[in-house]
Amino acid sequence: MNYPDFFDSIAPIQMADPLAQQLGAVNDGLFSYHYLDMVKLAGHSCPTVAGAWIMCDLGLKKLHEESIPVRGNIKIEMQGALDEGVEGVIAQSIGLITGAANAGGFKGLGPHFARNNRLFFSADINGEVRLTRLDNGETATMSYDPSSIPFHPQIGPLMKKIGQGTLEADEKAFFAAEWQNRVKKILTTPEQWEKLVTFV
């Protein structure tokens, strides 16, 4: 598989999944999620997917400090509606890692291991996303703004040409490279993540 090299430079997110361990998917119940996994789910890499990764990473660290987060023990609340903007993309991307799903998610084995009813939209929260630990009620509410890392000035005009179906081959290559260049700047400067994500 051919993808940008910088994907591999992003530190993975470690999760403990007791359901996976119980059912023998992984003996120790530990999963390592990589940015490429989120890209595969979304089908693309963009500032929104990058933001979902960053919010998930920072939010889980805030809730768990040095301990490994438990998959299925996190509730996700989105301020926006399901069909609003990129809300669904962000929620689905964070849900990949946390296991949180809406009413259609895994119902559990008896009273254990459920993943459904852990993802909600149009929530009355002060930020874009709120993660809640179900075992102790601690929360992390965040908003993401990547505007301090702008696109190349030609991205806008080229985006218009994409919509018109008139993009030339050399323009396609330039667009793809510069699109990922912005994502790279967002993801490979973790010392700036706290400037992109605000906890409220």
Foldseek 3Di string as FASTA:
>chain_A
DDDDPLQVVFAWAKEAEVVCCVVVVDVRRIDTHGLVVLCVVLVHFFPLSLLLVLCLRVFVCVVAVPDHHYALQKAKEFQADCPPDCLVSSQVSSCVVNVAEEQPFACADVVDDTRYNRYYYNDPDDEGMKMAGNVPGDIWGKHFDLVVQDFDVCLVVVVVCVVVVNQDPVNVVVNVVRRVVSSSVQRVPSVCSCVGMDTD
